[in-house]
Amino acid sequence: MTADAPAPIPVDWSTLPTPVDDGAAAHLPGMRLPDVTLPATDGEPVRLSDLGGTVVLYVYPMTAEPGVELPPDWGEIPGAKGCTPQSCAFRDHFAELRAAGADAVFGVSTQTREAQQEAASRLALPFPLLSDADLALADALQLPTFAAGGRTLHKRVTLIARDGVIETVFYPVFPPDRNAADVIAWLLAHP
């Protein structure tokens, strides 16, 4: 964690509903990253089909925005809560992820690039967030989604792709603040 980065938000995961594996991500291993271009918080659009090397895409519902109410009953939706702790964990373990073989790390949500820029700045993320606001990635990969607050949001899933092919998938991801450590362990076991 950098000196300017906020501390991760402590959450008692035992008080939240645990998501179950509904099989909605079982089709993803072996798929190619689609020819989809997503706006990034660093200003450079990212064409997923052009990504080479080992890429980690952690897909999450939405990061809370200051002054904006979360959807009703957010904490009662299995797997919804925990986006900020997950992003903070990827931030705090970024150097370890790189040392374990990740050439790139991206967070992906259906939030606008502007909302993500605020989160990336506030959380001092050393990697870009990608906006799938038009659900192009969700549609291309048939990612699991859910509806909340009148919006379609991604369910939490993490993809590791090598040279454009999804090699493994973490789904469901719970608790989300352990996801980065789980990804590191997998990368070290599969160099």
C-alpha atoms as a PDB file:
ATOM      1  CA  MET A   1       0.000   0.000   0.000  1.00  0.00           C
ATOM      2  CA  THR A   2       1.326   3.448  -0.865  1.00  0.00           C
ATOM      3  CA  ALA A   3       1.540   6.195   1.732  1.00  0.00           C
ATOM      4  CA  ASP A   4      -1.285   8.133   0.017  1.00  0.00           C
ATOM      5  CA  ALA A   5      -3.598   5.137  -0.411  1.00  0.00           C
ATOM      6  CA  PRO A   6      -6.533   4.772   1.961  1.00  0.00           C
ATOM      7  CA  ALA A   7      -6.595   1.717   4.210  1.00  0.00           C
ATOM      8  CA  PRO A   8      -8.885  -1.103   3.112  1.00  0.00           C
ATOM      9  CA  ILE A   9     -12.367  -0.973   4.577  1.00  0.00           C
ATOM     10  CA  PRO A  10     -12.827  -3.718   7.198  1.00  0.00           C
ATOM     11  CA  VAL A  11     -15.881  -5.880   6.540  1.00  0.00           C
ATOM     12  CA  ASP A  12     -17.296  -8.745   8.581  1.00  0.00           C
ATOM     13  CA  TRP A  13     -17.927 -11.112   5.680  1.00  0.00           C
ATOM     14  CA  SER A  14     -19.707 -13.594   7.977  1.00  0.00           C
ATOM     15  CA  THR A  15     -22.636 -11.166   8.206  1.00  0.00           C
ATOM     16  CA  LEU A  16     -23.200 -11.088   4.429  1.00  0.00           C
ATOM     17  CA  PRO A  17     -24.954 -13.621   2.219  1.00  0.00           C
ATOM     18  CA  THR A  18     -22.468 -15.888   0.458  1.00  0.00           C
ATOM     19  CA  PRO A  19     -22.828 -16.197  -3.327  1.00  0.00           C
ATOM     20  CA  VAL A  20     -23.164 -19.704  -4.735  1.00  0.00           C
ATOM     21  CA  ASP A  21     -21.685 -21.122  -7.910  1.00  0.00           C
ATOM     22  CA  ASP A  22     -24.648 -21.111 -10.278  1.00  0.00           C
ATOM     23  CA  GLY A  23     -22.526 -22.322 -13.213  1.00  0.00           C
ATOM     24  CA  ALA A  24     -22.825 -18.971 -15.003  1.00  0.00           C
ATOM     25  CA  ALA A  25     -19.055 -18.739 -15.558  1.00  0.00           C
ATOM     26  CA  ALA A  26     -18.342 -22.390 -16.420  1.00  0.00           C
ATOM     27  CA  HIS A  27     -18.192 -21.628 -20.159  1.00  0.00           C
ATOM     28  CA  LEU A  28     -15.440 -19.006 -19.873  1.00  0.00           C
ATOM     29  CA  PRO A  29     -12.196 -21.053 -19.663  1.00  0.00           C
ATOM     30  CA  GLY A  30     -10.806 -21.519 -23.165  1.00  0.00           C
ATOM     31  CA  MET A  31     -12.667 -18.533 -24.645  1.00  0.00           C
ATOM     32  CA  ARG A  32     -10.696 -15.779 -26.347  1.00  0.00           C
ATOM     33  CA  LEU A  33     -10.878 -12.248 -25.032  1.00  0.00           C
ATOM     34  CA  PRO A  34     -13.375 -10.581 -27.381  1.00  0.00           C
ATOM     35  CA  ASP A  35     -12.747  -7.808 -29.885  1.00  0.00           C
ATOM     36  CA  VAL A  36     -14.223  -5.243 -27.510  1.00  0.00           C
ATOM     37  CA  THR A  37     -12.710  -1.848 -26.724  1.00  0.00           C
ATOM     38  CA  LEU A  38     -13.433  -0.395 -23.289  1.00  0.00           C
ATOM     39  CA  PRO A  39     -12.732   3.131 -22.000  1.00  0.00           C
ATOM     40  CA  ALA A  40     -10.058   3.162 -19.295  1.00  0.00           C
ATOM     41  CA  THR A  41      -9.493   5.484 -16.376  1.00  0.00           C
ATOM     42  CA  ASP A  42      -5.991   6.337 -17.624  1.00  0.00           C
ATOM     43  CA  GLY A  43      -7.512   7.813 -20.806  1.00  0.00           C
ATOM     44  CA  GLU A  44      -6.344   5.056 -23.137  1.00  0.00           C
ATOM     45  CA  PRO A  45      -9.071   2.770 -24.528  1.00  0.00           C
ATOM     46  CA  VAL A  46      -8.203  -0.922 -24.129  1.00  0.00           C
ATOM     47  CA  ARG A  47      -8.979  -3.367 -26.927  1.00  0.00           C
ATOM     48  CA  LEU A  48      -9.199  -6.660 -25.093  1.00  0.00           C
ATOM     49  CA  SER A  49      -8.415  -8.829 -28.127  1.00  0.00           C
ATOM     50  CA  ASP A  50      -5.057  -7.039 -28.451  1.00  0.00           C
ATOM     51  CA  LEU A  51      -3.899  -7.882 -24.929  1.00  0.00           C
ATOM     52  CA  GLY A  52      -0.976 -10.292 -24.831  1.00  0.00           C
ATOM     53  CA  GLY A  53       0.886 -11.938 -21.994  1.00  0.00           C
ATOM     54  CA  THR A  54      -0.825 -12.742 -18.719  1.00  0.00           C
ATOM     55  CA  VAL A  55      -3.760 -10.466 -17.977  1.00  0.00           C
ATOM     56  CA  VAL A  56      -5.920 -10.360 -14.846  1.00  0.00           C
ATOM     57  CA  LEU A  57      -9.423  -8.933 -15.264  1.00  0.00           C
ATOM     58  CA  TYR A  58     -11.350  -8.669 -12.032  1.00  0.00           C
ATOM     59  CA  VAL A  59     -14.960  -7.947 -12.866  1.00  0.00           C
ATOM     60  CA  TYR A  60     -17.111  -6.451 -10.110  1.00  0.00           C
ATOM     61  CA  PRO A  61     -20.567  -4.904  -9.643  1.00  0.00           C
ATOM     62  CA  MET A  62     -19.809  -1.281  -8.718  1.00  0.00           C
ATOM     63  CA  THR A  63     -17.716   0.838  -6.401  1.00  0.00           C
ATOM     64  CA  ALA A  64     -19.673   3.097  -4.060  1.00  0.00           C
ATOM     65  CA  GLU A  65     -19.633   6.713  -5.224  1.00  0.00           C
ATOM     66  CA  PRO A  66     -19.451   9.536  -2.661  1.00  0.00           C
ATOM     67  CA  GLY A  67     -22.863  11.176  -2.302  1.00  0.00           C
ATOM     68  CA  VAL A  68     -24.654   8.487  -4.348  1.00  0.00           C
ATOM     69  CA  GLU A  69     -26.923   5.983  -2.618  1.00  0.00           C
ATOM     70  CA  LEU A  70     -26.262   2.296  -3.197  1.00  0.00           C
ATOM     71  CA  PRO A  71     -29.176   0.288  -4.602  1.00  0.00           C
ATOM     72  CA  PRO A  72     -31.776  -0.761  -2.027  1.00  0.00           C
ATOM     73  CA  ASP A  73     -30.820  -3.818   0.054  1.00  0.00           C
ATOM     74  CA  TRP A  74     -27.297  -3.821  -1.445  1.00  0.00           C
ATOM     75  CA  GLY A  75     -25.893  -5.754   1.503  1.00  0.00           C
ATOM     76  CA  GLU A  76     -28.558  -8.459   1.093  1.00  0.00           C
ATOM     77  CA  ILE A  77     -27.569  -9.330  -2.496  1.00  0.00           C
ATOM     78  CA  PRO A  78     -25.111 -12.257  -2.417  1.00  0.00           C
ATOM     79  CA  GLY A  79     -21.718 -11.082  -3.671  1.00  0.00           C
ATOM     80  CA  ALA A  80     -22.706  -7.458  -4.249  1.00  0.00           C
ATOM     81  CA  LYS A  81     -20.873  -5.824  -1.356  1.00  0.00           C
ATOM     82  CA  GLY A  82     -17.081  -5.656  -1.302  1.00  0.00           C
ATOM     83  CA  CYS A  83     -15.979  -3.855  -4.460  1.00  0.00           C
ATOM     84  CA  THR A  84     -13.815  -1.313  -2.651  1.00  0.00           C
ATOM     85  CA  PRO A  85     -12.061  -3.928  -0.465  1.00  0.00           C
ATOM     86  CA  GLN A  86     -11.458  -6.036  -3.594  1.00  0.00           C
ATOM     87  CA  SER A  87      -9.929  -3.112  -5.490  1.00  0.00           C
ATOM     88  CA  CYS A  88      -7.836  -2.171  -2.458  1.00  0.00           C
ATOM     89  CA  ALA A  89      -6.537  -5.748  -2.252  1.00  0.00           C
ATOM     90  CA  PHE A  90      -5.500  -5.691  -5.923  1.00  0.00           C
ATOM     91  CA  ARG A  91      -3.847  -2.320  -5.267  1.00  0.00           C
ATOM     92  CA  ASP A  92      -2.036  -3.529  -2.155  1.00  0.00           C
ATOM     93  CA  HIS A  93      -0.837  -6.725  -3.873  1.00  0.00           C
ATOM     94  CA  PHE A  94      -0.071  -5.146  -7.248  1.00  0.00           C
ATOM     95  CA  ALA A  95       3.708  -5.601  -6.998  1.00  0.00           C
ATOM     96  CA  GLU A  96       3.216  -9.241  -5.960  1.00  0.00           C
ATOM     97  CA  LEU A  97       0.828  -9.817  -8.877  1.00  0.00           C
ATOM     98  CA  ARG A  98       3.420  -8.444 -11.276  1.00  0.00           C
ATOM     99  CA  ALA A  99       6.187 -10.526  -9.659  1.00  0.00           C
ATOM    100  CA  ALA A 100       3.960 -13.631  -9.968  1.00  0.00           C
ATOM    101  CA  GLY A 101       3.658 -13.078 -13.723  1.00  0.00           C
ATOM    102  CA  ALA A 102       0.745 -10.720 -14.343  1.00  0.00           C
ATOM    103  CA  ASP A 103       1.653  -8.414 -17.222  1.00  0.00           C
ATOM    104  CA  ALA A 104      -1.484  -6.327 -16.694  1.00  0.00           C
ATOM    105  CA  VAL A 105      -4.302  -5.964 -14.169  1.00  0.00           C
ATOM    106  CA  PHE A 106      -7.638  -4.305 -14.894  1.00  0.00           C
ATOM    107  CA  GLY A 107     -10.796  -3.836 -12.854  1.00  0.00           C
ATOM    108  CA  VAL A 108     -14.026  -3.899 -14.894  1.00  0.00           C
ATOM    109  CA  SER A 109     -17.503  -2.680 -13.944  1.00  0.00           C
ATOM    110  CA  THR A 110     -20.567  -1.286 -15.680  1.00  0.00           C
ATOM    111  CA  GLN A 111     -19.965   2.128 -14.142  1.00  0.00           C
ATOM    112  CA  THR A 112     -19.120   5.090 -16.345  1.00  0.00           C
ATOM    113  CA  ARG A 113     -15.496   5.991 -16.954  1.00  0.00           C
ATOM    114  CA  GLU A 114     -16.053   9.181 -14.966  1.00  0.00           C
ATOM    115  CA  ALA A 115     -17.338   7.290 -11.904  1.00  0.00           C
ATOM    116  CA  GLN A 116     -14.416   4.899 -12.211  1.00  0.00           C
ATOM    117  CA  GLN A 117     -11.909   7.769 -12.512  1.00  0.00           C
ATOM    118  CA  GLU A 118     -13.141   9.090  -9.181  1.00  0.00           C
ATOM    119  CA  ALA A 119     -12.738   5.644  -7.593  1.00  0.00           C
ATOM    120  CA  ALA A 120      -9.310   5.028  -9.157  1.00  0.00           C
ATOM    121  CA  SER A 121      -8.104   8.383  -7.872  1.00  0.00           C
ATOM    122  CA  ARG A 122      -9.671   8.061  -4.391  1.00  0.00           C
ATOM    123  CA  LEU A 123      -8.318   4.520  -3.958  1.00  0.00           C
ATOM    124  CA  ALA A 124      -4.906   5.346  -5.516  1.00  0.00           C
ATOM    125  CA  LEU A 125      -5.094   2.382  -7.895  1.00  0.00           C
ATOM    126  CA  PRO A 126      -1.847   1.659  -9.804  1.00  0.00           C
ATOM    127  CA  PHE A 127      -3.769   0.075 -12.708  1.00  0.00           C
ATOM    128  CA  PRO A 128      -6.696   1.241 -14.853  1.00  0.00           C
ATOM    129  CA  LEU A 129     -10.360   0.451 -14.394  1.00  0.00           C
ATOM    130  CA  LEU A 130     -12.332  -0.338 -17.544  1.00  0.00           C
ATOM    131  CA  SER A 131     -15.915   0.764 -18.166  1.00  0.00           C
ATOM    132  CA  ASP A 132     -18.341  -1.801 -19.565  1.00  0.00           C
ATOM    133  CA  ALA A 133     -21.238   0.662 -19.257  1.00  0.00           C
ATOM    134  CA  ASP A 134     -22.796  -0.520 -22.529  1.00  0.00           C
ATOM    135  CA  LEU A 135     -22.364  -4.194 -21.490  1.00  0.00           C
ATOM    136  CA  ALA A 136     -20.274  -5.001 -24.584  1.00  0.00           C
ATOM    137  CA  LEU A 137     -17.945  -7.273 -22.607  1.00  0.00           C
ATOM    138  CA  ALA A 138     -20.814  -8.817 -20.644  1.00  0.00           C
ATOM    139  CA  ASP A 139     -22.610  -9.629 -23.898  1.00  0.00           C
ATOM    140  CA  ALA A 140     -19.520 -10.875 -25.763  1.00  0.00           C
ATOM    141  CA  LEU A 141     -18.499 -13.289 -22.998  1.00  0.00           C
ATOM    142  CA  GLN A 142     -21.999 -13.900 -21.598  1.00  0.00           C
ATOM    143  CA  LEU A 143     -20.737 -12.810 -18.190  1.00  0.00           C
ATOM    144  CA  PRO A 144     -23.019 -13.394 -15.219  1.00  0.00           C
ATOM    145  CA  THR A 145     -25.001 -10.275 -14.294  1.00  0.00           C
ATOM    146  CA  PHE A 146     -27.734  -9.197 -11.913  1.00  0.00           C
ATOM    147  CA  ALA A 147     -30.170  -6.284 -11.681  1.00  0.00           C
ATOM    148  CA  ALA A 148     -30.119  -3.776  -8.810  1.00  0.00           C
ATOM    149  CA  GLY A 149     -31.367  -0.235  -8.546  1.00  0.00           C
ATOM    150  CA  GLY A 150     -32.664  -0.321 -12.130  1.00  0.00           C
ATOM    151  CA  ARG A 151     -29.226  -1.216 -13.530  1.00  0.00           C
ATOM    152  CA  THR A 152     -27.611  -4.336 -14.899  1.00  0.00           C
ATOM    153  CA  LEU A 153     -24.404  -5.046 -13.001  1.00  0.00           C
ATOM    154  CA  HIS A 154     -21.689  -7.658 -13.336  1.00  0.00           C
ATOM    155  CA  LYS A 155     -21.517 -10.451 -10.821  1.00  0.00           C
ATOM    156  CA  ARG A 156     -18.058 -10.687  -9.334  1.00  0.00           C
ATOM    157  CA  VAL A 157     -15.790 -12.894 -11.475  1.00  0.00           C
ATOM    158  CA  THR A 158     -12.036 -12.810 -12.071  1.00  0.00           C
ATOM    159  CA  LEU A 159     -10.483 -13.967 -15.334  1.00  0.00           C
ATOM    160  CA  ILE A 160      -6.851 -14.813 -15.993  1.00  0.00           C
ATOM    161  CA  ALA A 161      -6.017 -14.786 -19.696  1.00  0.00           C
ATOM    162  CA  ARG A 162      -2.778 -15.778 -21.373  1.00  0.00           C
ATOM    163  CA  ASP A 163      -2.093 -14.470 -24.851  1.00  0.00           C
ATOM    164  CA  GLY A 164      -5.759 -13.606 -25.280  1.00  0.00           C
ATOM    165  CA  VAL A 165      -7.259 -16.906 -24.073  1.00  0.00           C
ATOM    166  CA  ILE A 166      -9.031 -17.196 -20.724  1.00  0.00           C
ATOM    167  CA  GLU A 167      -7.095 -19.819 -18.819  1.00  0.00           C
ATOM    168  CA  THR A 168      -8.918 -19.834 -15.500  1.00  0.00           C
ATOM    169  CA  VAL A 169     -11.866 -18.209 -13.768  1.00  0.00           C
ATOM    170  CA  PHE A 170     -12.560 -17.390 -10.118  1.00  0.00           C
ATOM    171  CA  TYR A 171     -16.324 -17.551  -9.571  1.00  0.00           C
ATOM    172  CA  PRO A 172     -17.967 -16.862  -7.294  1.00  0.00           C
ATOM    173  CA  VAL A 173     -15.450 -14.569  -5.634  1.00  0.00           C
ATOM    174  CA  PHE A 174     -15.990 -14.414  -1.888  1.00  0.00           C
ATOM    175  CA  PRO A 175     -14.792 -12.835   0.216  1.00  0.00           C
ATOM    176  CA  PRO A 176     -13.652 -10.295  -2.354  1.00  0.00           C
ATOM    177  CA  ASP A 177     -10.746  -8.923  -0.321  1.00  0.00           C
ATOM    178  CA  ARG A 178      -8.981 -12.317  -0.646  1.00  0.00           C
ATOM    179  CA  ASN A 179      -9.299 -12.464  -4.440  1.00  0.00           C
ATOM    180  CA  ALA A 180      -5.919 -10.834  -5.178  1.00  0.00           C
ATOM    181  CA  ALA A 181      -4.119 -13.311  -2.893  1.00  0.00           C
ATOM    182  CA  ASP A 182      -5.948 -16.205  -4.564  1.00  0.00           C
ATOM    183  CA  VAL A 183      -4.894 -14.914  -7.990  1.00  0.00           C
ATOM    184  CA  ILE A 184      -1.267 -14.637  -6.843  1.00  0.00           C
ATOM    185  CA  ALA A 185      -1.353 -18.211  -5.523  1.00  0.00           C
ATOM    186  CA  TRP A 186      -2.762 -19.454  -8.848  1.00  0.00           C
ATOM    187  CA  LEU A 187      -0.183 -17.531 -10.889  1.00  0.00           C
ATOM    188  CA  LEU A 188       2.670 -18.935  -8.788  1.00  0.00           C
ATOM    189  CA  ALA A 189       1.302 -22.482  -9.192  1.00  0.00           C
ATOM    190  CA  HIS A 190       0.876 -22.031 -12.975  1.00  0.00           C
ATOM    191  CA  PRO A 191       3.943 -20.149 -14.249  1.00  0.00           C
END
